[in-house]
Amino acid sequence: MRNKLIISFFCVLLAVCALAWLFIPDKYYSEREKRTLAQKPAFTAAASSPVSLAISWKPTLSIRFRSATNG
């Protein structure tokens, strides 16, 4: 019984956090950095395909994981 209570509490906590993340508005301006923040792109089914993800991440990964010989 106690195990079910802990599991259900954890599931409710996850659901509340997920719903809060969906409904809390994004920040558009950073007071600390004094600039407008970049916004996350809108979700589309075409943009979430594995091929489009690989194409969009390729430039970022090549910059972040540059080998020592490439400079």
PDB file of N, CA and C in Angstrom:
ATOM      1  N   MET A   1       0.824  -1.192   0.000  1.00  0.00           N
ATOM      2  CA  MET A   1       0.000   0.000   0.000  1.00  0.00           C
ATOM      3  C   MET A   1       0.868   1.257   0.000  1.00  0.00           C
ATOM      4  N   ARG A   2       1.890   1.257   0.821  1.00  0.00           N
ATOM      5  CA  ARG A   2       2.772   2.424   0.913  1.00  0.00           C
ATOM      6  C   ARG A   2       3.514   2.628  -0.407  1.00  0.00           C
ATOM      7  N   ASN A   3       3.890   1.524  -1.055  1.00  0.00           N
ATOM      8  CA  ASN A   3       4.595   1.590  -2.336  1.00  0.00           C
ATOM      9  C   ASN A   3       3.712   2.251  -3.402  1.00  0.00           C
ATOM     10  N   LYS A   4       2.430   1.894  -3.441  1.00  0.00           N
ATOM     11  CA  LYS A   4       1.500   2.484  -4.405  1.00  0.00           C
ATOM     12  C   LYS A   4       1.305   3.975  -4.140  1.00  0.00           C
ATOM     13  N   LEU A   5       1.314   4.367  -2.889  1.00  0.00           N
ATOM     14  CA  LEU A   5       1.161   5.766  -2.530  1.00  0.00           C
ATOM     15  C   LEU A   5       2.362   6.584  -3.014  1.00  0.00           C
ATOM     16  N   ILE A   6       3.545   6.065  -2.837  1.00  0.00           N
ATOM     17  CA  ILE A   6       4.757   6.759  -3.279  1.00  0.00           C
ATOM     18  C   ILE A   6       4.786   6.865  -4.799  1.00  0.00           C
ATOM     19  N   ILE A   7       4.439   5.794  -5.486  1.00  0.00           N
ATOM     20  CA  ILE A   7       4.431   5.797  -6.948  1.00  0.00           C
ATOM     21  C   ILE A   7       3.378   6.767  -7.477  1.00  0.00           C
ATOM     22  N   SER A   8       2.194   6.771  -6.899  1.00  0.00           N
ATOM     23  CA  SER A   8       1.145   7.682  -7.369  1.00  0.00           C
ATOM     24  C   SER A   8       1.514   9.138  -7.081  1.00  0.00           C
ATOM     25  N   PHE A   9       2.142   9.411  -5.954  1.00  0.00           N
ATOM     26  CA  PHE A   9       2.600  10.766  -5.656  1.00  0.00           C
ATOM     27  C   PHE A   9       3.635  11.220  -6.678  1.00  0.00           C
ATOM     28  N   PHE A  10       4.560  10.354  -7.022  1.00  0.00           N
ATOM     29  CA  PHE A  10       5.579  10.672  -8.012  1.00  0.00           C
ATOM     30  C   PHE A  10       4.959  10.940  -9.380  1.00  0.00           C
ATOM     31  N   CYS A  11       3.985  10.140  -9.787  1.00  0.00           N
ATOM     32  CA  CYS A  11       3.310  10.335 -11.082  1.00  0.00           C
ATOM     33  C   CYS A  11       2.541  11.650 -11.103  1.00  0.00           C
ATOM     34  N   VAL A  12       1.875  11.980 -10.017  1.00  0.00           N
ATOM     35  CA  VAL A  12       1.148  13.250  -9.942  1.00  0.00           C
ATOM     36  C   VAL A  12       2.128  14.414  -9.994  1.00  0.00           C
ATOM     37  N   LEU A  13       3.242  14.296  -9.321  1.00  0.00           N
ATOM     38  CA  LEU A  13       4.263  15.346  -9.345  1.00  0.00           C
ATOM     39  C   LEU A  13       4.801  15.556 -10.759  1.00  0.00           C
ATOM     40  N   LEU A  14       5.061  14.470 -11.474  1.00  0.00           N
ATOM     41  CA  LEU A  14       5.523  14.580 -12.859  1.00  0.00           C
ATOM     42  C   LEU A  14       4.466  15.242 -13.744  1.00  0.00           C
ATOM     43  N   ALA A  15       3.212  14.881 -13.566  1.00  0.00           N
ATOM     44  CA  ALA A  15       2.135  15.459 -14.373  1.00  0.00           C
ATOM     45  C   ALA A  15       1.986  16.952 -14.093  1.00  0.00           C
ATOM     46  N   VAL A  16       2.075  17.348 -12.846  1.00  0.00           N
ATOM     47  CA  VAL A  16       1.961  18.766 -12.492  1.00  0.00           C
ATOM     48  C   VAL A  16       3.117  19.557 -13.083  1.00  0.00           C
ATOM     49  N   CYS A  17       4.321  19.018 -13.010  1.00  0.00           N
ATOM     50  CA  CYS A  17       5.484  19.699 -13.581  1.00  0.00           C
ATOM     51  C   CYS A  17       5.370  19.819 -15.099  1.00  0.00           C
ATOM     52  N   ALA A  18       4.899  18.781 -15.754  1.00  0.00           N
ATOM     53  CA  ALA A  18       4.731  18.817 -17.212  1.00  0.00           C
ATOM     54  C   ALA A  18       3.686  19.846 -17.606  1.00  0.00           C
ATOM     55  N   LEU A  19       2.571  19.893 -16.896  1.00  0.00           N
ATOM     56  CA  LEU A  19       1.534  20.876 -17.201  1.00  0.00           C
ATOM     57  C   LEU A  19       2.009  22.298 -16.912  1.00  0.00           C
ATOM     58  N   ALA A  20       2.747  22.476 -15.842  1.00  0.00           N
ATOM     59  CA  ALA A  20       3.277  23.808 -15.534  1.00  0.00           C
ATOM     60  C   ALA A  20       4.240  24.258 -16.621  1.00  0.00           C
ATOM     61  N   TRP A  21       5.060  23.351 -17.126  1.00  0.00           N
ATOM     62  CA  TRP A  21       6.010  23.680 -18.186  1.00  0.00           C
ATOM     63  C   TRP A  21       5.279  24.095 -19.459  1.00  0.00           C
ATOM     64  N   LEU A  22       4.143  23.487 -19.729  1.00  0.00           N
ATOM     65  CA  LEU A  22       3.379  23.833 -20.923  1.00  0.00           C
ATOM     66  C   LEU A  22       2.707  25.196 -20.813  1.00  0.00           C
ATOM     67  N   PHE A  23       2.244  25.551 -19.634  1.00  0.00           N
ATOM     68  CA  PHE A  23       1.435  26.758 -19.486  1.00  0.00           C
ATOM     69  C   PHE A  23       2.187  27.985 -18.991  1.00  0.00           C
ATOM     70  N   ILE A  24       3.410  27.834 -18.493  1.00  0.00           N
ATOM     71  CA  ILE A  24       4.189  29.002 -18.073  1.00  0.00           C
ATOM     72  C   ILE A  24       4.749  29.669 -19.316  1.00  0.00           C
ATOM     73  N   PRO A  25       4.535  30.972 -19.479  1.00  0.00           N
ATOM     74  CA  PRO A  25       5.010  31.643 -20.695  1.00  0.00           C
ATOM     75  C   PRO A  25       6.544  31.718 -20.743  1.00  0.00           C
ATOM     76  N   ASP A  26       7.061  31.776 -21.970  1.00  0.00           N
ATOM     77  CA  ASP A  26       8.507  31.889 -22.164  1.00  0.00           C
ATOM     78  C   ASP A  26       8.977  33.294 -21.809  1.00  0.00           C
ATOM     79  N   LYS A  27      10.222  33.391 -21.369  1.00  0.00           N
ATOM     80  CA  LYS A  27      10.821  34.699 -21.139  1.00  0.00           C
ATOM     81  C   LYS A  27      11.296  35.251 -22.479  1.00  0.00           C
ATOM     82  N   TYR A  28      11.014  36.512 -22.720  1.00  0.00           N
ATOM     83  CA  TYR A  28      11.450  37.139 -23.959  1.00  0.00           C
ATOM     84  C   TYR A  28      12.642  38.054 -23.750  1.00  0.00           C
ATOM     85  N   TYR A  29      12.883  38.475 -22.509  1.00  0.00           N
ATOM     86  CA  TYR A  29      13.962  39.418 -22.234  1.00  0.00           C
ATOM     87  C   TYR A  29      14.695  38.993 -20.976  1.00  0.00           C
ATOM     88  N   SER A  30      16.014  38.994 -21.037  1.00  0.00           N
ATOM     89  CA  SER A  30      16.825  38.622 -19.882  1.00  0.00           C
ATOM     90  C   SER A  30      17.296  39.887 -19.170  1.00  0.00           C
ATOM     91  N   GLU A  31      16.895  40.053 -17.920  1.00  0.00           N
ATOM     92  CA  GLU A  31      17.321  41.218 -17.143  1.00  0.00           C
ATOM     93  C   GLU A  31      18.817  41.172 -16.853  1.00  0.00           C
ATOM     94  N   ARG A  32      19.350  39.973 -16.607  1.00  0.00           N
ATOM     95  CA  ARG A  32      20.757  39.838 -16.284  1.00  0.00           C
ATOM     96  C   ARG A  32      21.644  40.149 -17.486  1.00  0.00           C
ATOM     97  N   GLU A  33      21.266  39.627 -18.657  1.00  0.00           N
ATOM     98  CA  GLU A  33      22.086  39.809 -19.853  1.00  0.00           C
ATOM     99  C   GLU A  33      21.694  41.039 -20.656  1.00  0.00           C
ATOM    100  N   LYS A  34      20.591  41.661 -20.315  1.00  0.00           N
ATOM    101  CA  LYS A  34      20.097  42.867 -20.995  1.00  0.00           C
ATOM    102  C   LYS A  34      19.938  42.649 -22.491  1.00  0.00           C
ATOM    103  N   ARG A  35      19.292  41.549 -22.851  1.00  0.00           N
ATOM    104  CA  ARG A  35      19.077  41.266 -24.272  1.00  0.00           C
ATOM    105  C   ARG A  35      17.841  40.404 -24.439  1.00  0.00           C
ATOM    106  N   THR A  36      17.351  40.373 -25.677  1.00  0.00           N
ATOM    107  CA  THR A  36      16.222  39.525 -26.012  1.00  0.00           C
ATOM    108  C   THR A  36      16.711  38.098 -26.191  1.00  0.00           C
ATOM    109  N   LEU A  37      15.988  37.153 -25.645  1.00  0.00           N
ATOM    110  CA  LEU A  37      16.393  35.750 -25.711  1.00  0.00           C
ATOM    111  C   LEU A  37      15.911  35.096 -26.995  1.00  0.00           C
ATOM    112  N   ALA A  38      16.655  34.113 -27.457  1.00  0.00           N
ATOM    113  CA  ALA A  38      16.235  33.326 -28.616  1.00  0.00           C
ATOM    114  C   ALA A  38      15.062  32.453 -28.203  1.00  0.00           C
ATOM    115  N   GLN A  39      14.083  32.331 -29.064  1.00  0.00           N
ATOM    116  CA  GLN A  39      12.892  31.555 -28.755  1.00  0.00           C
ATOM    117  C   GLN A  39      13.008  30.153 -29.337  1.00  0.00           C
ATOM    118  N   LYS A  40      12.399  29.200 -28.660  1.00  0.00           N
ATOM    119  CA  LYS A  40      12.423  27.836 -29.163  1.00  0.00           C
ATOM    120  C   LYS A  40      11.527  27.731 -30.394  1.00  0.00           C
ATOM    121  N   PRO A  41      11.909  26.912 -31.359  1.00  0.00           N
ATOM    122  CA  PRO A  41      11.097  26.790 -32.574  1.00  0.00           C
ATOM    123  C   PRO A  41       9.780  26.067 -32.296  1.00  0.00           C
ATOM    124  N   ALA A  42       8.808  26.334 -33.132  1.00  0.00           N
ATOM    125  CA  ALA A  42       7.502  25.678 -32.993  1.00  0.00           C
ATOM    126  C   ALA A  42       7.639  24.203 -33.349  1.00  0.00           C
ATOM    127  N   PHE A  43       6.900  23.354 -32.648  1.00  0.00           N
ATOM    128  CA  PHE A  43       6.962  21.918 -32.893  1.00  0.00           C
ATOM    129  C   PHE A  43       6.121  21.567 -34.114  1.00  0.00           C
ATOM    130  N   THR A  44       6.708  20.814 -35.037  1.00  0.00           N
ATOM    131  CA  THR A  44       5.978  20.268 -36.181  1.00  0.00           C
ATOM    132  C   THR A  44       6.369  18.811 -36.336  1.00  0.00           C
ATOM    133  N   ALA A  45       5.476  18.032 -36.929  1.00  0.00           N
ATOM    134  CA  ALA A  45       5.765  16.612 -37.120  1.00  0.00           C
ATOM    135  C   ALA A  45       6.916  16.419 -38.097  1.00  0.00           C
ATOM    136  N   ALA A  46       7.002  17.259 -39.120  1.00  0.00           N
ATOM    137  CA  ALA A  46       8.086  17.136 -40.104  1.00  0.00           C
ATOM    138  C   ALA A  46       9.435  17.463 -39.475  1.00  0.00           C
ATOM    139  N   ALA A  47       9.461  18.426 -38.561  1.00  0.00           N
ATOM    140  CA  ALA A  47      10.725  18.816 -37.941  1.00  0.00           C
ATOM    141  C   ALA A  47      11.213  17.790 -36.922  1.00  0.00           C
ATOM    142  N   SER A  48      10.338  16.899 -36.470  1.00  0.00           N
ATOM    143  CA  SER A  48      10.743  15.921 -35.464  1.00  0.00           C
ATOM    144  C   SER A  48      11.155  14.584 -36.065  1.00  0.00           C
ATOM    145  N   SER A  49      11.207  14.493 -37.388  1.00  0.00           N
ATOM    146  CA  SER A  49      11.645  13.242 -37.998  1.00  0.00           C
ATOM    147  C   SER A  49      13.140  13.053 -37.774  1.00  0.00           C
ATOM    148  N   PRO A  50      13.621  11.830 -37.695  1.00  0.00           N
ATOM    149  CA  PRO A  50      15.047  11.587 -37.437  1.00  0.00           C
ATOM    150  C   PRO A  50      15.968  12.203 -38.493  1.00  0.00           C
ATOM    151  N   VAL A  51      15.533  12.250 -39.746  1.00  0.00           N
ATOM    152  CA  VAL A  51      16.376  12.813 -40.809  1.00  0.00           C
ATOM    153  C   VAL A  51      16.544  14.310 -40.610  1.00  0.00           C
ATOM    154  N   SER A  52      15.460  15.023 -40.340  1.00  0.00           N
ATOM    155  CA  SER A  52      15.562  16.469 -40.166  1.00  0.00           C
ATOM    156  C   SER A  52      16.332  16.811 -38.889  1.00  0.00           C
ATOM    157  N   LEU A  53      16.208  15.987 -37.852  1.00  0.00           N
ATOM    158  CA  LEU A  53      16.996  16.221 -36.640  1.00  0.00           C
ATOM    159  C   LEU A  53      18.479  16.044 -36.905  1.00  0.00           C
ATOM    160  N   ALA A  54      18.839  15.043 -37.678  1.00  0.00           N
ATOM    161  CA  ALA A  54      20.254  14.823 -37.996  1.00  0.00           C
ATOM    162  C   ALA A  54      20.807  15.970 -38.827  1.00  0.00           C
ATOM    163  N   ILE A  55      20.022  16.462 -39.763  1.00  0.00           N
ATOM    164  CA  ILE A  55      20.482  17.569 -40.604  1.00  0.00           C
ATOM    165  C   ILE A  55      20.621  18.845 -39.780  1.00  0.00           C
ATOM    166  N   SER A  56      19.674  19.118 -38.901  1.00  0.00           N
ATOM    167  CA  SER A  56      19.726  20.356 -38.123  1.00  0.00           C
ATOM    168  C   SER A  56      20.816  20.322 -37.049  1.00  0.00           C
ATOM    169  N   TRP A  57      21.171  19.149 -36.529  1.00  0.00           N
ATOM    170  CA  TRP A  57      22.190  19.059 -35.487  1.00  0.00           C
ATOM    171  C   TRP A  57      23.599  18.930 -36.037  1.00  0.00           C
ATOM    172  N   LYS A  58      23.748  18.620 -37.307  1.00  0.00           N
ATOM    173  CA  LYS A  58      25.074  18.381 -37.856  1.00  0.00           C
ATOM    174  C   LYS A  58      26.017  19.577 -37.683  1.00  0.00           C
ATOM    175  N   PRO A  59      25.620  20.813 -38.004  1.00  0.00           N
ATOM    176  CA  PRO A  59      26.539  21.934 -37.802  1.00  0.00           C
ATOM    177  C   PRO A  59      26.900  22.152 -36.337  1.00  0.00           C
ATOM    178  N   THR A  60      25.937  21.964 -35.448  1.00  0.00           N
ATOM    179  CA  THR A  60      26.193  22.156 -34.026  1.00  0.00           C
ATOM    180  C   THR A  60      27.164  21.115 -33.496  1.00  0.00           C
ATOM    181  N   LEU A  61      26.986  19.879 -33.885  1.00  0.00           N
ATOM    182  CA  LEU A  61      27.869  18.816 -33.406  1.00  0.00           C
ATOM    183  C   LEU A  61      29.278  18.972 -33.963  1.00  0.00           C
ATOM    184  N   SER A  62      29.409  19.436 -35.180  1.00  0.00           N
ATOM    185  CA  SER A  62      30.746  19.600 -35.741  1.00  0.00           C
ATOM    186  C   SER A  62      31.502  20.716 -35.024  1.00  0.00           C
ATOM    187  N   ILE A  63      30.792  21.702 -34.522  1.00  0.00           N
ATOM    188  CA  ILE A  63      31.446  22.783 -33.780  1.00  0.00           C
ATOM    189  C   ILE A  63      31.807  22.313 -32.373  1.00  0.00           C
ATOM    190  N   ARG A  64      30.912  21.617 -31.723  1.00  0.00           N
ATOM    191  CA  ARG A  64      31.136  21.222 -30.333  1.00  0.00           C
ATOM    192  C   ARG A  64      32.144  20.092 -30.181  1.00  0.00           C
ATOM    193  N   PHE A  65      32.182  19.179 -31.120  1.00  0.00           N
ATOM    194  CA  PHE A  65      33.046  18.016 -30.993  1.00  0.00           C
ATOM    195  C   PHE A  65      34.138  18.029 -32.049  1.00  0.00           C
ATOM    196  N   ARG A  66      34.767  19.171 -32.196  1.00  0.00           N
ATOM    197  CA  ARG A  66      35.852  19.304 -33.139  1.00  0.00           C
ATOM    198  C   ARG A  66      37.068  18.528 -32.617  1.00  0.00           C
ATOM    199  N   SER A  67      37.731  17.803 -33.480  1.00  0.00           N
ATOM    200  CA  SER A  67      38.898  17.033 -33.033  1.00  0.00           C
ATOM    201  C   SER A  67      40.097  17.952 -32.873  1.00  0.00           C
ATOM    202  N   ALA A  68      41.103  17.492 -32.176  1.00  0.00           N
ATOM    203  CA  ALA A  68      42.292  18.298 -31.917  1.00  0.00           C
ATOM    204  C   ALA A  68      43.067  18.613 -33.197  1.00  0.00           C
ATOM    205  N   THR A  69      42.994  17.720 -34.175  1.00  0.00           N
ATOM    206  CA  THR A  69      43.728  17.965 -35.430  1.00  0.00           C
ATOM    207  C   THR A  69      43.028  18.969 -36.323  1.00  0.00           C
ATOM    208  N   ASN A  70      41.690  19.124 -36.156  1.00  0.00           N
ATOM    209  CA  ASN A  70      40.956  20.078 -36.995  1.00  0.00           C
ATOM    210  C   ASN A  70      41.075  21.506 -36.497  1.00  0.00           C
ATOM    211  N   GLY A  71      41.538  21.700 -35.314  1.00  0.00           N
ATOM    212  CA  GLY A  71      41.717  23.041 -34.784  1.00  0.00           C
ATOM    213  C   GLY A  71      40.573  23.454 -33.990  1.00  0.00           C
TER     214      GLY A  71
END
